[in-house]
Amino acid sequence: MQIFEVITLTEFPFMETREVHQGSIVSDILNETSKERVYLLVDHDTKKIWTFNGSHSSFIVQIYGGILAGMFRQQLRLFYRVYPLNIYSIDDQEFQEILEKPLGAGRAKPIEKSDFSKPTQDRFIRDVSIVSPKANKAIEYINSFPKPEELIRRFIIIGGTIYIDEEVVETFLKEEKTVINPIKLGRLNNGFTFFKDHNYSTRLVIKNRKIQGIELYIHEDDKSPPLESQIPVIYEEKFSKPGSFNALTKAFQIPDQLPEDNEISTQDDSTNQS
């Protein structure tokens, strides 16, 4: 296994890599000190290039890491594939197996300034698409990633729709289980939106070079109350679909018959009035 750190430069091409030699196994590098760094792991046994973004690494360095991972793949004649290591929790078995892999020499060479040619203006951003994916599949993919430590997800944004997490109680025959499901809150307004009411940590989730969604996290020590809608929400798509009046009355849970206590009380009231 070879490990390369992504290094930022102050002039074009603004990035390069440095091979990391200290340590005997991967866990000697990917530890507490790696939170602010981005690494590329070249596994010659499995022909995989793993991208690792430290939890405190900057967004721009993560972008550089994706570019450099693609360049490593070209350098290795496309026999290698690029995979995100951050998709696994640190407790995942595959993650732990990678941490135990020994460091050693390999045929991957550091990518340096001389390996770059002058780009066209949009060379490094043209492969990223902003589209509106199918919400259910996007949520499933987003939830497959482990949640960041010490953070609580407040919002998910998919396309122009925003979701919040809500606890739902699932009742079984012998036990009661609480799960957290994303609930559609509403749609963002046209124009632009700033989220400045909290110190949000933002996670951008990508699949096949397409943005699946944006998650907004707050720190678990943030004592602000969760967002609650004080009015019922009726989604626009409901107006374009025929509905059943019986389903509407059922939604109000109007009983077919009043309880006996209420009937007795009603009779007493009628007697007193007479």
Protein backbone atom coordinates (compact mmCIF):
# COMPACT_ATOMS: atom_id res chain seq x y z
CA MET A 1 0.00 0.00 0.00
CA GLN A 2 1.23 3.47 -0.93
CA ILE A 3 -0.19 6.61 0.67
CA PHE A 4 -0.03 10.10 -0.82
CA GLU A 5 -1.03 13.32 0.90
CA VAL A 6 -2.75 16.06 -1.11
CA ILE A 7 -0.70 19.27 -0.93
CA THR A 8 -2.03 22.73 -1.88
CA LEU A 9 0.08 25.24 -3.80
CA THR A 10 -0.26 29.01 -4.13
CA GLU A 11 0.01 28.99 -7.94
CA PHE A 12 -1.03 26.76 -10.83
CA PRO A 13 -1.75 23.86 -10.69
CA PHE A 14 -2.58 24.62 -7.02
CA MET A 15 -2.12 20.98 -6.05
CA GLU A 16 0.32 18.10 -5.97
CA THR A 17 0.96 14.97 -3.90
CA ARG A 18 3.62 13.91 -1.44
CA GLU A 19 4.22 10.23 -0.69
CA VAL A 20 4.04 9.39 3.00
CA HIS A 21 6.76 7.02 4.20
CA GLN A 22 6.60 7.21 8.00
CA GLY A 23 4.84 4.36 9.74
CA SER A 24 4.58 0.67 9.00
CA ILE A 25 0.82 0.24 8.53
CA VAL A 26 -2.01 2.47 7.29
CA SER A 27 -3.36 3.21 10.77
CA ASP A 28 -0.06 4.96 11.58
CA ILE A 29 -1.14 7.61 9.05
CA LEU A 30 -4.93 7.64 9.32
CA ASN A 31 -5.27 8.63 12.96
CA GLU A 32 -6.30 11.70 14.96
CA THR A 33 -3.70 13.88 13.21
CA SER A 34 -5.27 13.15 9.80
CA LYS A 35 -8.55 14.97 10.42
CA GLU A 36 -7.47 18.12 8.57
CA ARG A 37 -5.82 16.30 5.65
CA VAL A 38 -6.77 14.44 2.48
CA TYR A 39 -4.96 11.23 1.53
CA LEU A 40 -4.95 8.93 -1.49
CA LEU A 41 -4.29 5.26 -0.76
CA VAL A 42 -3.05 3.13 -3.67
CA ASP A 43 -3.67 -0.55 -2.95
CA HIS A 44 -1.71 -2.60 -5.46
CA ASP A 45 -3.14 -5.90 -4.21
CA THR A 46 -6.75 -5.02 -5.03
CA LYS A 47 -5.95 -2.37 -7.68
CA LYS A 48 -8.00 0.22 -5.83
CA ILE A 49 -7.31 3.90 -5.19
CA TRP A 50 -8.99 4.99 -1.97
CA THR A 51 -9.74 8.66 -1.30
CA PHE A 52 -9.77 9.64 2.37
CA ASN A 53 -11.09 13.06 3.42
CA GLY A 54 -10.33 14.00 7.01
CA SER A 55 -13.41 15.18 8.91
CA HIS A 56 -11.92 18.70 9.25
CA SER A 57 -10.34 18.91 5.80
CA SER A 58 -11.32 21.85 3.61
CA PHE A 59 -13.73 21.48 0.71
CA ILE A 60 -11.23 22.69 -1.89
CA VAL A 61 -8.61 20.14 -0.79
CA GLN A 62 -11.23 17.39 -1.11
CA ILE A 63 -11.87 18.55 -4.69
CA TYR A 64 -8.14 18.44 -5.38
CA GLY A 65 -8.08 14.91 -3.97
CA GLY A 66 -10.71 13.78 -6.46
CA ILE A 67 -8.76 15.33 -9.37
CA LEU A 68 -5.48 13.77 -8.27
CA ALA A 69 -7.11 10.35 -7.76
CA GLY A 70 -8.21 10.44 -11.40
CA MET A 71 -4.66 11.35 -12.44
CA PHE A 72 -3.28 8.41 -10.46
CA ARG A 73 -5.69 6.14 -12.31
CA GLN A 74 -4.40 7.45 -15.64
CA GLN A 75 -0.82 7.04 -14.45
CA LEU A 76 -1.55 3.40 -13.60
CA ARG A 77 -3.06 2.88 -17.08
CA LEU A 78 -6.69 2.72 -15.89
CA PHE A 79 -6.27 -0.75 -14.39
CA TYR A 80 -7.17 0.79 -11.00
CA ARG A 81 -10.56 2.11 -9.84
CA VAL A 82 -11.23 4.98 -7.45
CA TYR A 83 -13.33 4.40 -4.31
CA PRO A 84 -14.25 6.68 -1.37
CA LEU A 85 -12.99 5.36 1.96
CA ASN A 86 -15.29 7.79 3.79
CA ILE A 87 -18.31 5.74 2.79
CA TYR A 88 -17.35 3.32 5.58
CA SER A 89 -17.62 3.84 9.30
CA ILE A 90 -14.33 3.56 11.15
CA ASP A 91 -15.77 0.47 12.86
CA ASP A 92 -16.60 -1.22 9.55
CA GLN A 93 -14.70 -4.46 8.92
CA GLU A 94 -13.36 -3.35 5.53
CA PHE A 95 -12.14 -0.06 6.98
CA GLN A 96 -10.35 -1.94 9.76
CA GLU A 97 -8.76 -4.31 7.25
CA ILE A 98 -7.40 -1.35 5.28
CA LEU A 99 -5.99 0.20 8.46
CA GLU A 100 -3.97 -2.98 9.04
CA LYS A 101 -2.42 -3.09 5.57
CA PRO A 102 1.39 -2.61 5.52
CA LEU A 103 2.97 0.37 3.80
CA GLY A 104 5.53 -0.34 1.13
CA ALA A 105 6.99 0.60 -2.22
CA GLY A 106 4.93 0.59 -5.38
CA ARG A 107 4.91 1.80 -8.95
CA ALA A 108 2.71 4.85 -8.30
CA LYS A 109 4.76 8.06 -8.53
CA PRO A 110 3.93 11.36 -6.83
CA ILE A 111 1.99 13.78 -9.02
CA GLU A 112 3.93 17.03 -9.24
CA LYS A 113 3.56 20.45 -10.88
CA SER A 114 5.30 19.29 -14.02
CA ASP A 115 2.58 16.67 -14.61
CA PHE A 116 0.00 19.37 -15.34
CA SER A 117 -0.61 21.19 -18.58
CA LYS A 118 -2.40 24.52 -18.79
CA PRO A 119 -6.12 23.74 -18.51
CA THR A 120 -9.12 25.17 -20.23
CA GLN A 121 -11.24 27.32 -17.93
CA ASP A 122 -13.70 24.60 -17.00
CA ARG A 123 -11.45 21.55 -17.12
CA PHE A 124 -11.73 20.66 -13.45
CA ILE A 125 -15.44 21.33 -12.96
CA ARG A 126 -17.20 20.24 -16.12
CA ASP A 127 -17.73 16.65 -14.94
CA VAL A 128 -19.83 17.64 -11.92
CA SER A 129 -23.57 17.88 -12.64
CA ILE A 130 -26.25 19.59 -10.58
CA VAL A 131 -29.49 17.69 -11.18
CA SER A 132 -32.56 16.69 -9.21
CA PRO A 133 -32.18 12.96 -8.47
CA LYS A 134 -35.03 10.70 -7.42
CA ALA A 135 -35.59 11.61 -3.79
CA ASN A 136 -36.09 8.10 -2.37
CA LYS A 137 -32.96 6.72 -4.01
CA ALA A 138 -30.95 9.81 -3.05
CA ILE A 139 -32.02 9.55 0.61
CA GLU A 140 -31.15 5.84 0.66
CA TYR A 141 -27.68 6.59 -0.74
CA ILE A 142 -27.11 9.53 1.63
CA ASN A 143 -28.12 7.43 4.64
CA SER A 144 -25.66 4.71 3.63
CA PHE A 145 -22.82 6.99 4.76
CA PRO A 146 -21.88 6.93 8.45
CA LYS A 147 -22.96 10.02 10.37
CA PRO A 148 -20.13 12.38 11.43
CA GLU A 149 -19.10 12.06 15.06
CA GLU A 150 -20.49 14.62 17.55
CA LEU A 151 -22.84 16.09 14.92
CA ILE A 152 -26.61 15.95 14.49
CA ARG A 153 -28.24 16.25 11.08
CA ARG A 154 -30.72 19.12 10.97
CA PHE A 155 -31.64 19.28 7.25
CA ILE A 156 -31.25 17.37 3.98
CA ILE A 157 -31.60 19.25 0.69
CA ILE A 158 -32.34 17.24 -2.47
CA GLY A 159 -32.96 19.28 -5.58
CA GLY A 160 -35.15 22.16 -4.40
CA THR A 161 -36.78 20.18 -1.59
CA ILE A 162 -35.72 20.25 2.05
CA TYR A 163 -36.20 17.43 4.56
CA ILE A 164 -35.86 17.14 8.34
CA ASP A 165 -35.27 14.06 10.49
CA GLU A 166 -38.20 12.86 12.56
CA GLU A 167 -38.39 10.05 15.11
CA VAL A 168 -40.94 7.40 14.19
CA VAL A 169 -42.00 4.64 16.59
CA GLU A 170 -42.28 1.22 14.99
CA THR A 171 -44.31 -1.18 17.12
CA PHE A 172 -43.72 -4.90 16.97
CA LEU A 173 -45.39 -7.74 18.84
CA LYS A 174 -42.91 -7.82 21.71
CA GLU A 175 -40.90 -4.65 21.42
CA GLU A 176 -41.06 -1.03 20.42
CA LYS A 177 -38.37 0.45 18.18
CA THR A 178 -37.69 4.11 17.37
CA VAL A 179 -36.17 4.97 14.00
CA ILE A 180 -35.28 8.32 12.44
CA ASN A 181 -36.71 8.96 8.98
CA PRO A 182 -36.31 12.01 6.74
CA ILE A 183 -39.65 13.84 6.45
CA LYS A 184 -40.39 16.26 3.62
CA LEU A 185 -40.62 19.75 5.10
CA GLY A 186 -41.21 21.86 2.00
CA ARG A 187 -39.58 23.46 -0.99
CA LEU A 188 -36.91 26.15 -1.07
CA ASN A 189 -37.82 29.52 -2.53
CA ASN A 190 -36.54 30.62 -5.91
CA GLY A 191 -33.40 32.70 -5.75
CA PHE A 192 -30.66 32.03 -3.21
CA THR A 193 -30.69 30.82 0.37
CA PHE A 194 -28.25 31.45 3.22
CA PHE A 195 -28.27 29.24 6.31
CA LYS A 196 -26.88 31.60 8.95
CA ASP A 197 -29.18 30.83 11.89
CA HIS A 198 -26.70 28.19 13.14
CA ASN A 199 -23.06 27.27 12.76
CA TYR A 200 -23.82 24.50 10.28
CA SER A 201 -21.38 21.87 9.09
CA THR A 202 -22.22 21.05 5.49
CA ARG A 203 -21.76 17.66 3.83
CA LEU A 204 -22.09 17.38 0.06
CA VAL A 205 -22.91 13.85 -1.17
CA ILE A 206 -21.85 12.83 -4.70
CA LYS A 207 -22.61 9.71 -6.75
CA ASN A 208 -21.37 9.12 -10.29
CA ARG A 209 -20.29 12.77 -10.50
CA LYS A 210 -23.81 13.95 -9.71
CA ILE A 211 -24.84 15.81 -6.56
CA GLN A 212 -27.30 13.64 -4.62
CA GLY A 213 -27.94 16.03 -1.76
CA ILE A 214 -26.61 18.45 0.83
CA GLU A 215 -26.75 17.72 4.55
CA LEU A 216 -26.64 20.45 7.19
CA TYR A 217 -25.32 19.35 10.59
CA ILE A 218 -25.14 21.08 13.95
CA HIS A 219 -22.94 20.11 16.90
CA GLU A 220 -24.55 17.83 19.45
CA ASP A 221 -23.91 20.47 22.14
CA ASP A 222 -26.14 22.92 20.27
CA LYS A 223 -29.15 23.24 22.58
CA SER A 224 -31.44 24.93 20.08
CA PRO A 225 -34.87 23.26 19.79
CA PRO A 226 -35.67 21.25 16.65
CA LEU A 227 -37.68 22.97 13.94
CA GLU A 228 -41.42 22.38 14.27
CA SER A 229 -44.12 23.35 11.83
CA GLN A 230 -47.07 24.85 13.74
CA ILE A 231 -49.47 24.59 10.79
CA PRO A 232 -50.48 21.59 8.67
CA VAL A 233 -48.57 21.27 5.42
CA ILE A 234 -50.49 20.42 2.24
CA TYR A 235 -48.18 19.60 -0.65
CA GLU A 236 -48.96 21.00 -4.08
CA GLU A 237 -49.01 17.62 -5.77
CA LYS A 238 -52.05 16.67 -3.69
CA PHE A 239 -54.19 19.21 -5.56
CA SER A 240 -53.53 17.56 -8.93
CA LYS A 241 -54.61 14.09 -7.83
CA PRO A 242 -58.20 12.90 -7.20
CA GLY A 243 -58.90 12.01 -3.59
CA SER A 244 -61.52 10.16 -1.57
CA PHE A 245 -63.87 12.03 0.77
CA ASN A 246 -64.00 8.96 3.01
CA ALA A 247 -60.20 9.07 3.31
CA LEU A 248 -60.48 12.73 4.34
CA THR A 249 -63.02 12.09 7.10
CA LYS A 250 -60.99 9.11 8.27
CA ALA A 251 -57.96 11.37 8.60
CA PHE A 252 -59.85 13.43 11.18
CA GLN A 253 -60.49 10.22 13.17
CA ILE A 254 -64.17 10.99 13.81
CA PRO A 255 -65.65 8.04 15.75
CA ASP A 256 -68.77 6.35 14.44
CA GLN A 257 -70.19 6.29 17.97
CA LEU A 258 -69.58 8.47 21.01
CA PRO A 259 -68.22 6.77 24.15
CA GLU A 260 -70.79 5.84 26.80
CA ASP A 261 -69.52 8.50 29.22
CA ASN A 262 -70.15 11.17 26.62
CA GLU A 263 -73.64 9.79 25.89
CA ILE A 264 -74.55 9.87 29.58
CA SER A 265 -73.20 13.40 29.89
CA THR A 266 -75.23 14.46 26.85
CA GLN A 267 -78.42 12.93 28.31
CA ASP A 268 -77.85 14.69 31.66
CA ASP A 269 -77.40 18.00 29.90
CA SER A 270 -80.67 17.48 28.00
CA THR A 271 -82.53 16.65 31.28
CA ASN A 272 -81.17 19.73 33.04
CA GLN A 273 -82.19 21.95 30.14
CA SER A 274 -85.72 20.58 30.17
